[in-house]
Amino acid sequence: MIVTMDKERHIYEKGSIAIKNGKIKEVGELGPEKNAEEVIDANGKIIMPGLISSYTRMHGILLRAMPLKIDPPTDLSQILQRVWWRMDEEMTKNDDYTSALASCLEFIKTGTTCCLNTYSGVRSMGGSLDRIARAVDEAGLRASIGFEASDRNTRAEGARGMDENIKFIKKLQRKRRTKRIRGVISLHASFTISDELLSHTRRLVKRYDVPLVISTAEGAVDTYYNLASYGMRTVERLHDKHILSPKTVLVNCVHVSDDELHLIQESGAKVVHNPMKNMLNGVGVAKVSQMLSMGIPTGLGNGGYIFDGFENMRSAYLLHKAVTEDPRTITPMETLEMATIHGAKICNWENEIGSIEPGKYADLIVIDTSSFPTPLKCENVVDHIVNTVNGQDIETVIVGGRILMRERKVITLQEDDVIKASNKSAKKLWKKLEAI
C-alpha cells in the first residue's frame, strides 16, 4: 500500500514504485519490471515518504537521561542557563561528530530521512558544521545544517557564529560535495540577538539565498525581553527588522498573538512545531490548529529531544485536542502532512522530497504491518500511521535510491561503534557539567 502524499494525496492499495538513478521514475499500479536490478517485496506493507524532522538539535542526544545535580529549573530561561548554555561551553570537536552519528542512527531506525539541524557549541567552532555534515553523509541521510549564532555573551561571539554558517555555506556552494546536504543561516532566540546581528543576518540571507532559522517565542522570556527592550513582541520585532520572508523558518512560536500570526501569514514565513520538547520545557502550547487553518506551512520537529518521528506525530495529534477540548482539532492527514510535505518546504527541499512522485528523490520507508491489531485499508492507512505505527515498525529505509536499512539492519553505520562513541562523549560531558 503506497501513501504518496502528492497533491491529490493518492493512496494505492496495491502499487509499485520504480526507481532509477536515485529518483522515482514511476509510481502506481505498475506491472512487474523484468529488467529491474533489484526488487524489494513489500507485499502487505506500507510504503510512504520518509519522515522529515523540521527542526532538531542533534547534540541534544547527549543530554538524554543526564542526572542533573542542580536546582530544578522553573522556566525556559533557567533551563537554558543551567543546562543548554553550559553544554554549549563544554562541547568538543569530537562531541559534535559523535552526537550527530548517534542522532542519525536513531533517525534511520525510526524512519526519518531528512532533518533541519542547528548546532550551538561555541567551544567547538571552527569546522563544526563540516563534522556534523560528515556524520550525516556517512549515515546516508539528507539534512539542512546551520550554526545558532548568538551575541548573548559578546558581539564577537555572534560574529564568529555567523562566520561558521557562511564558511559552511560557501564551501557547499563551491564544492557541491553532496546533493544531500545544504546550509542554512541560524540564529538563537531573539532575546539573545542584537539588532545589529539581525540586520547583518538579513543581508547574508539575501546574498547567499538560503533559509534563515530562528527560535521564536518558545518561552515567555522571549516576549517579555522584546517588550521591555524594544516595545514590541517577538514576531513584531522580527517584522520591524525585515526578517520575516518566505525564506524564514520560525521555530516554536508558542507565545505569539493573533496579530503576530497574521504577520507570519502575510510574510510567507514558515513555522516548526516541537510538541514534545515544548511539553518537556513546560513552555505552553503553540496555536498550531490556527496556523494550519491560516495556511501557514507548519512542520514537525523534535528540538533535540525524542528522535522517533512517530512519537512526535502522535504527540502533536493528541496535544491540541486536549488544549482545545475538541477531538476534531488536527486530523490524522494534517498531522502526516506536517511530518512529510510541510517538512520538505521548511527544509528547503519541497521540489525534491516529501512525497512519492515521479522526478523526486526516492526517500522512502517501508512499514511492517504484521503487528497491527486491526485490518489495514486505504481509508484507514493514515489513521494507522498516526495511531498505530512506531519507530520499531520501520523495516526498510531508502534515501536517494540507496538502502540505508534493510529488515531492521542498518547498513551505512556500525551501530555498536556509534553507540560506544556516543556513550564515551556523554560520560565526559556529564562529568564536566557536574563539576560546574
Protein backbone atom coordinates (compact mmCIF):
# COMPACT_ATOMS: atom_id res chain seq x y z
CA MET A 1 0.00 0.00 0.00
CA ILE A 2 1.55 3.31 -1.12
CA VAL A 3 0.76 6.57 0.69
CA THR A 4 2.10 9.11 -1.81
CA MET A 5 1.40 12.48 -0.10
CA ASP A 6 1.24 14.02 -3.57
CA LYS A 7 -1.08 16.98 -4.24
CA GLU A 8 -4.11 14.69 -4.54
CA ARG A 9 -2.94 12.56 -1.58
CA HIS A 10 -3.23 9.41 -3.69
CA ILE A 11 -3.15 6.08 -1.89
CA TYR A 12 -2.58 2.91 -3.91
CA GLU A 13 -3.88 -0.26 -2.32
CA LYS A 14 -1.63 -2.47 -4.43
CA GLY A 15 1.05 -0.32 -6.01
CA SER A 16 4.66 -0.37 -7.09
CA ILE A 17 7.43 2.21 -7.32
CA ALA A 18 10.11 2.21 -10.00
CA ILE A 19 13.39 3.89 -9.00
CA LYS A 20 16.11 4.91 -11.43
CA ASN A 21 19.32 6.86 -10.68
CA GLY A 22 18.12 7.63 -7.18
CA LYS A 23 14.84 9.17 -8.27
CA ILE A 24 11.28 7.94 -8.62
CA LYS A 25 10.59 7.01 -12.23
CA GLU A 26 7.03 5.73 -11.88
CA VAL A 27 4.50 5.10 -9.14
CA GLY A 28 1.12 3.40 -9.28
CA GLU A 29 -0.36 0.07 -10.21
CA LEU A 30 2.62 -0.99 -12.31
CA GLY A 31 3.29 -4.36 -13.83
CA PRO A 32 6.39 -6.41 -12.91
CA GLU A 33 9.66 -4.88 -14.12
CA LYS A 34 11.64 -7.62 -15.84
CA ASN A 35 14.80 -5.51 -16.19
CA ALA A 36 14.99 -4.32 -12.58
CA GLU A 37 18.40 -4.75 -10.93
CA GLU A 38 16.70 -5.32 -7.59
CA VAL A 39 13.17 -5.90 -6.38
CA ILE A 40 12.03 -5.24 -2.82
CA ASP A 41 8.91 -7.22 -1.95
CA ALA A 42 6.72 -5.00 0.25
CA ASN A 43 3.58 -7.08 -0.13
CA GLY A 44 1.20 -6.44 2.78
CA LYS A 45 3.27 -3.47 3.98
CA ILE A 46 3.05 0.33 3.77
CA ILE A 47 5.38 2.45 1.68
CA MET A 48 5.40 6.17 2.42
CA PRO A 49 7.78 9.14 2.16
CA GLY A 50 10.49 9.19 4.79
CA LEU A 51 9.63 11.41 7.74
CA ILE A 52 11.18 14.88 7.89
CA SER A 53 12.24 16.45 11.18
CA SER A 54 11.83 20.16 10.51
CA TYR A 55 13.98 21.12 13.49
CA THR A 56 16.41 19.14 15.59
CA ARG A 57 19.50 19.76 17.69
CA MET A 58 21.48 16.58 17.25
CA HIS A 59 23.86 17.34 20.10
CA GLY A 60 20.88 17.25 22.45
CA ILE A 61 21.01 13.47 22.33
CA LEU A 62 23.98 13.62 24.74
CA LEU A 63 21.72 15.12 27.42
CA ARG A 64 19.30 12.20 27.42
CA ALA A 65 18.67 10.96 30.98
CA MET A 66 21.57 13.01 32.36
CA PRO A 67 21.31 13.17 36.19
CA LEU A 68 21.42 16.90 36.99
CA LYS A 69 22.75 17.88 40.39
CA ILE A 70 21.30 21.38 40.22
CA ASP A 71 18.23 23.18 41.48
CA PRO A 72 15.42 22.11 39.13
CA PRO A 73 14.83 24.87 36.54
CA THR A 74 11.45 26.54 36.84
CA ASP A 75 11.21 28.03 33.33
CA LEU A 76 12.89 28.11 29.92
CA SER A 77 15.43 30.81 30.83
CA GLN A 78 16.69 28.70 33.72
CA ILE A 79 16.81 25.58 31.53
CA LEU A 80 18.97 27.48 29.06
CA GLN A 81 21.25 28.97 31.73
CA ARG A 82 21.67 25.83 33.83
CA VAL A 83 21.75 23.17 31.10
CA TRP A 84 21.96 24.12 27.41
CA TRP A 85 24.29 27.10 27.64
CA ARG A 86 26.62 25.17 29.92
CA MET A 87 26.58 22.36 27.41
CA ASP A 88 27.43 24.83 24.63
CA GLU A 89 30.57 25.82 26.54
CA GLU A 90 31.74 22.23 27.02
CA MET A 91 31.04 20.51 23.68
CA THR A 92 34.26 19.40 21.96
CA LYS A 93 35.08 18.96 18.29
CA ASN A 94 34.64 15.23 18.72
CA ASP A 95 31.33 15.56 20.55
CA ASP A 96 29.62 17.35 17.67
CA TYR A 97 30.54 14.45 15.37
CA THR A 98 29.67 11.57 17.72
CA SER A 99 26.34 13.12 18.75
CA ALA A 100 25.43 13.63 15.09
CA LEU A 101 26.24 9.99 14.32
CA ALA A 102 24.09 8.77 17.22
CA SER A 103 21.22 11.00 16.12
CA CYS A 104 21.47 9.81 12.53
CA LEU A 105 21.36 6.21 13.74
CA GLU A 106 18.12 6.88 15.64
CA PHE A 107 16.67 8.71 12.66
CA ILE A 108 17.36 5.79 10.34
CA LYS A 109 15.97 3.21 12.74
CA THR A 110 12.73 5.17 13.22
CA GLY A 111 12.10 6.26 9.63
CA THR A 112 13.31 9.88 9.40
CA THR A 113 15.23 10.50 6.18
CA CYS A 114 15.77 14.29 6.31
CA CYS A 115 16.20 16.90 9.03
CA LEU A 116 16.98 20.54 9.65
CA ASN A 117 19.68 20.62 12.32
CA THR A 118 21.15 23.56 14.22
CA TYR A 119 24.23 23.41 16.44
CA SER A 120 25.38 25.81 19.16
CA GLY A 121 28.63 24.51 20.68
CA VAL A 122 30.67 27.71 20.94
CA ARG A 123 33.82 25.91 22.12
CA SER A 124 33.92 23.64 19.09
CA MET A 125 33.55 26.40 16.50
CA GLY A 126 35.81 26.03 13.51
CA GLY A 127 34.53 23.33 11.19
CA SER A 128 31.75 22.16 13.50
CA LEU A 129 29.20 22.07 10.67
CA ASP A 130 31.65 20.14 8.48
CA ARG A 131 31.95 17.47 11.15
CA ILE A 132 28.18 17.21 11.51
CA ALA A 133 27.83 17.04 7.73
CA ARG A 134 30.40 14.23 7.65
CA ALA A 135 28.28 12.21 10.07
CA VAL A 136 25.12 12.83 8.02
CA ASP A 137 26.98 11.90 4.84
CA GLU A 138 28.29 8.66 6.35
CA ALA A 139 24.79 7.76 7.51
CA GLY A 140 23.37 8.45 4.05
CA LEU A 141 20.67 10.83 5.27
CA ARG A 142 19.60 14.21 3.94
CA ALA A 143 19.97 17.41 6.02
CA SER A 144 20.00 21.19 6.13
CA ILE A 145 22.55 22.36 8.72
CA GLY A 146 23.34 25.65 10.45
CA PHE A 147 25.07 27.16 13.49
CA GLU A 148 22.97 29.06 16.06
CA ALA A 149 24.66 32.45 16.13
CA SER A 150 24.10 34.49 19.29
CA ASP A 151 25.72 37.55 20.83
CA ARG A 152 24.32 36.91 24.31
CA ASN A 153 27.88 36.95 25.70
CA THR A 154 29.79 39.21 23.31
CA ARG A 155 29.27 40.74 19.86
CA ALA A 156 32.44 38.94 18.75
CA GLU A 157 30.86 35.58 19.61
CA GLY A 158 27.86 36.41 17.45
CA ALA A 159 30.13 37.32 14.55
CA ARG A 160 32.05 34.07 14.94
CA GLY A 161 28.83 32.07 14.95
CA MET A 162 27.64 33.76 11.78
CA ASP A 163 31.04 33.17 10.19
CA GLU A 164 30.62 29.46 10.99
CA ASN A 165 27.42 29.48 8.92
CA ILE A 166 28.84 31.40 5.99
CA LYS A 167 32.04 29.36 5.67
CA PHE A 168 29.97 26.17 5.56
CA ILE A 169 27.51 27.58 3.01
CA LYS A 170 30.30 28.85 0.75
CA LYS A 171 32.10 25.53 0.94
CA LEU A 172 28.95 23.64 -0.06
CA GLN A 173 28.23 26.02 -2.91
CA ARG A 174 31.82 25.80 -4.12
CA LYS A 175 32.46 22.07 -3.79
CA ARG A 176 28.96 20.67 -4.30
CA ARG A 177 30.28 17.62 -2.44
CA THR A 178 26.85 16.08 -1.92
CA LYS A 179 23.32 16.70 -3.09
CA ARG A 180 22.02 15.56 0.30
CA ILE A 181 23.40 18.37 2.47
CA ARG A 182 22.54 22.05 2.38
CA GLY A 183 23.39 25.00 4.58
CA VAL A 184 21.11 27.40 6.41
CA ILE A 185 21.74 30.52 8.45
CA SER A 186 20.67 30.01 12.04
CA LEU A 187 20.09 32.34 14.97
CA HIS A 188 19.39 31.62 18.60
CA ALA A 189 16.23 33.11 20.18
CA SER A 190 15.78 36.83 19.56
CA PHE A 191 16.28 37.71 23.24
CA THR A 192 19.94 36.76 22.72
CA ILE A 193 20.26 38.64 19.41
CA SER A 194 21.12 42.31 18.92
CA ASP A 195 19.54 44.49 16.25
CA GLU A 196 22.93 44.71 14.57
CA LEU A 197 23.18 40.93 14.23
CA LEU A 198 19.60 40.76 12.92
CA SER A 199 20.40 43.35 10.24
CA HIS A 200 23.63 41.57 9.31
CA THR A 201 21.73 38.28 9.06
CA ARG A 202 19.11 39.78 6.75
CA ARG A 203 21.83 40.89 4.33
CA LEU A 204 23.52 37.48 4.37
CA VAL A 205 20.27 35.58 3.74
CA LYS A 206 19.70 37.73 0.66
CA ARG A 207 23.30 37.40 -0.53
CA TYR A 208 23.54 33.62 -0.24
CA ASP A 209 19.88 32.81 -0.98
CA VAL A 210 19.47 30.36 1.91
CA PRO A 211 16.81 29.87 4.61
CA LEU A 212 17.02 31.65 7.95
CA VAL A 213 16.14 29.58 11.04
CA ILE A 214 15.42 31.34 14.35
CA SER A 215 13.92 30.11 17.61
CA THR A 216 10.88 32.32 18.17
CA ALA A 217 8.83 32.95 21.31
CA GLU A 218 9.32 29.48 22.77
CA GLY A 219 9.19 30.80 26.31
CA ALA A 220 7.57 33.88 27.81
CA VAL A 221 11.08 35.28 28.42
CA ASP A 222 11.44 35.96 24.69
CA THR A 223 8.26 38.04 24.57
CA TYR A 224 9.00 39.88 27.85
CA TYR A 225 12.52 40.77 26.75
CA ASN A 226 11.41 42.22 23.43
CA LEU A 227 8.56 44.17 25.02
CA ALA A 228 10.86 45.60 27.68
CA SER A 229 13.76 46.36 25.34
CA TYR A 230 12.03 47.36 22.11
CA GLY A 231 8.36 47.92 22.93
CA MET A 232 7.40 45.11 20.57
CA ARG A 233 6.54 41.42 20.84
CA THR A 234 8.96 38.88 19.34
CA VAL A 235 7.41 38.46 15.88
CA GLU A 236 6.63 42.18 15.72
CA ARG A 237 10.31 42.94 16.22
CA LEU A 238 11.34 40.44 13.54
CA HIS A 239 8.82 42.06 11.21
CA ASP A 240 10.11 45.54 12.07
CA LYS A 241 13.67 44.42 11.22
CA HIS A 242 12.50 42.92 7.89
CA ILE A 243 13.49 39.43 8.97
CA LEU A 244 10.19 37.77 8.02
CA SER A 245 10.03 36.37 4.48
CA PRO A 246 9.27 33.08 2.68
CA LYS A 247 12.87 32.10 3.49
CA THR A 248 12.30 32.46 7.25
CA VAL A 249 11.72 29.44 9.48
CA LEU A 250 10.29 30.37 12.89
CA VAL A 251 10.84 27.58 15.40
CA ASN A 252 8.31 27.01 18.24
CA CYS A 253 6.09 30.14 18.08
CA VAL A 254 4.40 29.27 21.37
CA HIS A 255 3.91 32.77 22.77
CA VAL A 256 2.58 34.57 19.71
CA SER A 257 -0.55 36.70 19.47
CA ASP A 258 -3.20 36.58 16.75
CA ASP A 259 -1.73 39.76 15.27
CA GLU A 260 1.67 38.11 15.10
CA LEU A 261 0.17 35.09 13.34
CA HIS A 262 -1.18 37.43 10.68
CA LEU A 263 2.31 38.92 10.25
CA ILE A 264 3.69 35.40 9.75
CA GLN A 265 0.91 34.59 7.28
CA GLU A 266 1.40 37.79 5.25
CA SER A 267 5.18 37.35 5.08
CA GLY A 268 5.05 33.75 3.86
CA ALA A 269 7.28 32.62 6.72
CA LYS A 270 7.11 29.02 7.93
CA VAL A 271 6.74 27.57 11.43
CA VAL A 272 8.14 24.46 13.15
CA HIS A 273 6.14 22.84 15.94
CA ASN A 274 8.10 20.90 18.60
CA PRO A 275 5.31 19.42 20.73
CA MET A 276 7.33 17.02 22.88
CA LYS A 277 10.16 19.49 23.51
CA ASN A 278 7.67 22.24 24.39
CA MET A 279 5.96 19.90 26.85
CA LEU A 280 9.32 18.90 28.35
CA ASN A 281 10.26 22.57 28.88
CA GLY A 282 6.80 23.44 30.19
CA VAL A 283 6.54 26.50 27.94
CA GLY A 284 2.96 26.14 26.74
CA VAL A 285 1.30 25.05 23.50
CA ALA A 286 1.57 26.70 20.09
CA LYS A 287 -1.59 27.65 18.18
CA VAL A 288 -0.98 25.01 15.56
CA SER A 289 -4.58 24.38 14.53
CA GLN A 290 -4.97 28.12 13.93
CA MET A 291 -1.73 28.22 11.93
CA LEU A 292 -2.90 25.35 9.74
CA SER A 293 -6.29 26.99 9.15
CA MET A 294 -4.49 30.17 8.08
CA GLY A 295 -2.40 28.25 5.55
CA ILE A 296 0.89 28.83 7.39
CA PRO A 297 3.26 25.99 6.40
CA THR A 298 3.85 24.17 9.68
CA GLY A 299 6.32 21.34 10.08
CA LEU A 300 7.09 18.95 12.91
CA GLY A 301 10.38 18.89 14.80
CA ASN A 302 11.86 17.30 17.91
CA GLY A 303 14.03 20.12 19.25
CA GLY A 304 16.76 17.62 20.18
CA TYR A 305 14.54 15.57 22.49
CA ILE A 306 12.83 12.41 21.16
CA PHE A 307 14.05 11.43 17.70
CA ASP A 308 11.25 8.98 16.82
CA GLY A 309 9.10 10.99 14.40
CA PHE A 310 6.07 8.78 15.00
CA GLU A 311 6.11 9.67 18.70
CA ASN A 312 6.28 13.34 17.78
CA MET A 313 3.41 12.93 15.32
CA ARG A 314 1.23 11.25 17.90
CA SER A 315 2.03 13.97 20.45
CA ALA A 316 1.04 16.72 18.01
CA TYR A 317 -2.12 14.85 17.09
CA LEU A 318 -3.25 14.46 20.72
CA LEU A 319 -1.89 17.59 22.43
CA HIS A 320 -4.08 20.08 20.59
CA LYS A 321 -7.23 18.07 21.13
CA ALA A 322 -6.59 18.29 24.87
CA VAL A 323 -5.82 22.02 24.80
CA THR A 324 -8.84 22.96 22.69
CA GLU A 325 -11.09 20.36 24.34
CA ASP A 326 -12.18 19.43 20.82
CA PRO A 327 -11.41 15.94 19.41
CA ARG A 328 -11.77 17.34 15.88
CA THR A 329 -8.66 19.52 16.28
CA ILE A 330 -5.94 18.44 13.82
CA THR A 331 -6.77 15.42 11.67
CA PRO A 332 -4.51 12.42 11.03
CA MET A 333 -3.85 13.72 7.50
CA GLU A 334 -2.87 17.18 8.77
CA THR A 335 -0.51 15.51 11.23
CA LEU A 336 1.09 13.41 8.49
CA GLU A 337 1.43 16.47 6.25
CA MET A 338 3.38 18.25 9.00
CA ALA A 339 5.82 15.32 9.14
CA THR A 340 6.30 14.98 5.38
CA ILE A 341 5.40 17.51 2.70
CA HIS A 342 5.31 20.55 5.02
CA GLY A 343 8.66 19.49 6.42
CA ALA A 344 10.09 19.42 2.91
CA LYS A 345 9.02 23.05 2.42
CA ILE A 346 10.63 24.08 5.68
CA CYS A 347 13.90 22.26 4.99
CA ASN A 348 14.05 23.87 1.52
CA TRP A 349 13.57 20.53 -0.28
CA GLU A 350 9.91 20.78 -1.36
CA ASN A 351 10.60 20.13 -5.05
CA GLU A 352 12.79 17.10 -4.35
CA ILE A 353 11.29 15.15 -1.44
CA GLY A 354 8.30 14.93 0.91
CA SER A 355 6.05 12.93 -1.41
CA ILE A 356 6.24 9.92 -3.70
CA GLU A 357 6.06 11.38 -7.22
CA PRO A 358 7.97 10.87 -10.48
CA GLY A 359 11.04 13.09 -10.60
CA LYS A 360 11.50 13.35 -6.84
CA TYR A 361 14.27 11.62 -4.93
CA ALA A 362 13.41 8.12 -3.73
CA ASP A 363 13.39 8.87 0.00
CA LEU A 364 11.10 6.10 1.21
CA ILE A 365 10.33 3.96 4.23
CA VAL A 366 8.70 0.53 4.36
CA ILE A 367 6.48 -0.17 7.38
CA ASP A 368 5.86 -3.68 8.68
CA THR A 369 2.14 -4.07 9.43
CA SER A 370 2.21 -7.59 10.83
CA SER A 371 1.60 -6.39 14.40
CA PHE A 372 -1.42 -4.22 13.54
CA PRO A 373 -4.36 -5.32 15.76
CA THR A 374 -6.96 -4.24 13.19
CA PRO A 375 -7.27 -4.51 9.38
CA LEU A 376 -5.36 -2.17 7.06
CA LYS A 377 -7.37 -0.45 4.33
CA CYS A 378 -6.91 2.56 2.07
CA GLU A 379 -9.45 4.51 4.07
CA ASN A 380 -7.67 3.92 7.40
CA VAL A 381 -3.98 3.73 6.50
CA VAL A 382 -3.29 7.34 7.56
CA ASP A 383 -5.07 6.69 10.87
CA HIS A 384 -2.84 3.64 11.37
CA ILE A 385 0.30 5.67 10.58
CA VAL A 386 -0.60 8.24 13.23
CA ASN A 387 -2.21 5.97 15.85
CA THR A 388 -0.57 2.57 15.46
CA VAL A 389 2.90 2.79 13.89
CA ASN A 390 6.02 3.43 15.94
CA GLY A 391 9.68 3.55 15.02
CA GLN A 392 10.15 -0.16 15.70
CA ASP A 393 7.81 -0.96 12.80
CA ILE A 394 10.16 0.57 10.22
CA GLU A 395 11.63 -2.27 8.22
CA THR A 396 13.44 -0.61 5.31
CA VAL A 397 14.78 2.93 4.78
CA ILE A 398 15.83 4.30 1.39
CA VAL A 399 17.35 7.73 0.66
CA GLY A 400 18.03 8.77 -2.91
CA GLY A 401 17.52 5.19 -4.04
CA ARG A 402 20.17 3.92 -1.63
CA ILE A 403 19.13 1.40 1.01
CA LEU A 404 20.23 2.57 4.48
CA MET A 405 18.39 -0.07 6.48
CA ARG A 406 17.01 -3.43 5.38
CA GLU A 407 14.93 -5.69 7.61
CA ARG A 408 15.86 -3.55 10.64
CA LYS A 409 19.59 -3.90 9.93
CA VAL A 410 21.32 -0.53 9.46
CA ILE A 411 23.76 -0.86 6.56
CA THR A 412 25.53 2.50 6.45
CA LEU A 413 26.66 2.71 10.09
CA GLN A 414 28.26 0.29 12.53
CA GLU A 415 25.65 0.52 15.27
CA ASP A 416 27.82 -0.79 18.11
CA ASP A 417 30.65 1.63 17.29
CA VAL A 418 28.28 4.60 17.09
CA ILE A 419 26.68 3.81 20.46
CA LYS A 420 30.07 3.24 22.09
CA ALA A 421 31.40 6.60 20.83
CA SER A 422 28.22 8.41 21.90
CA ASN A 423 28.40 6.94 25.40
CA LYS A 424 32.04 7.98 25.71
CA SER A 425 31.23 11.58 24.72
CA ALA A 426 28.24 11.68 27.07
CA LYS A 427 30.26 10.41 30.06
CA LYS A 428 32.92 13.09 29.55
CA LEU A 429 30.33 15.81 29.02
CA TRP A 430 28.32 14.81 32.10
CA LYS A 431 31.46 14.85 34.23
CA LYS A 432 32.31 18.37 33.07
CA LEU A 433 28.77 19.64 33.64
CA GLU A 434 28.66 18.07 37.10
CA ALA A 435 31.85 19.88 38.04
CA ILE A 436 30.44 23.32 37.19
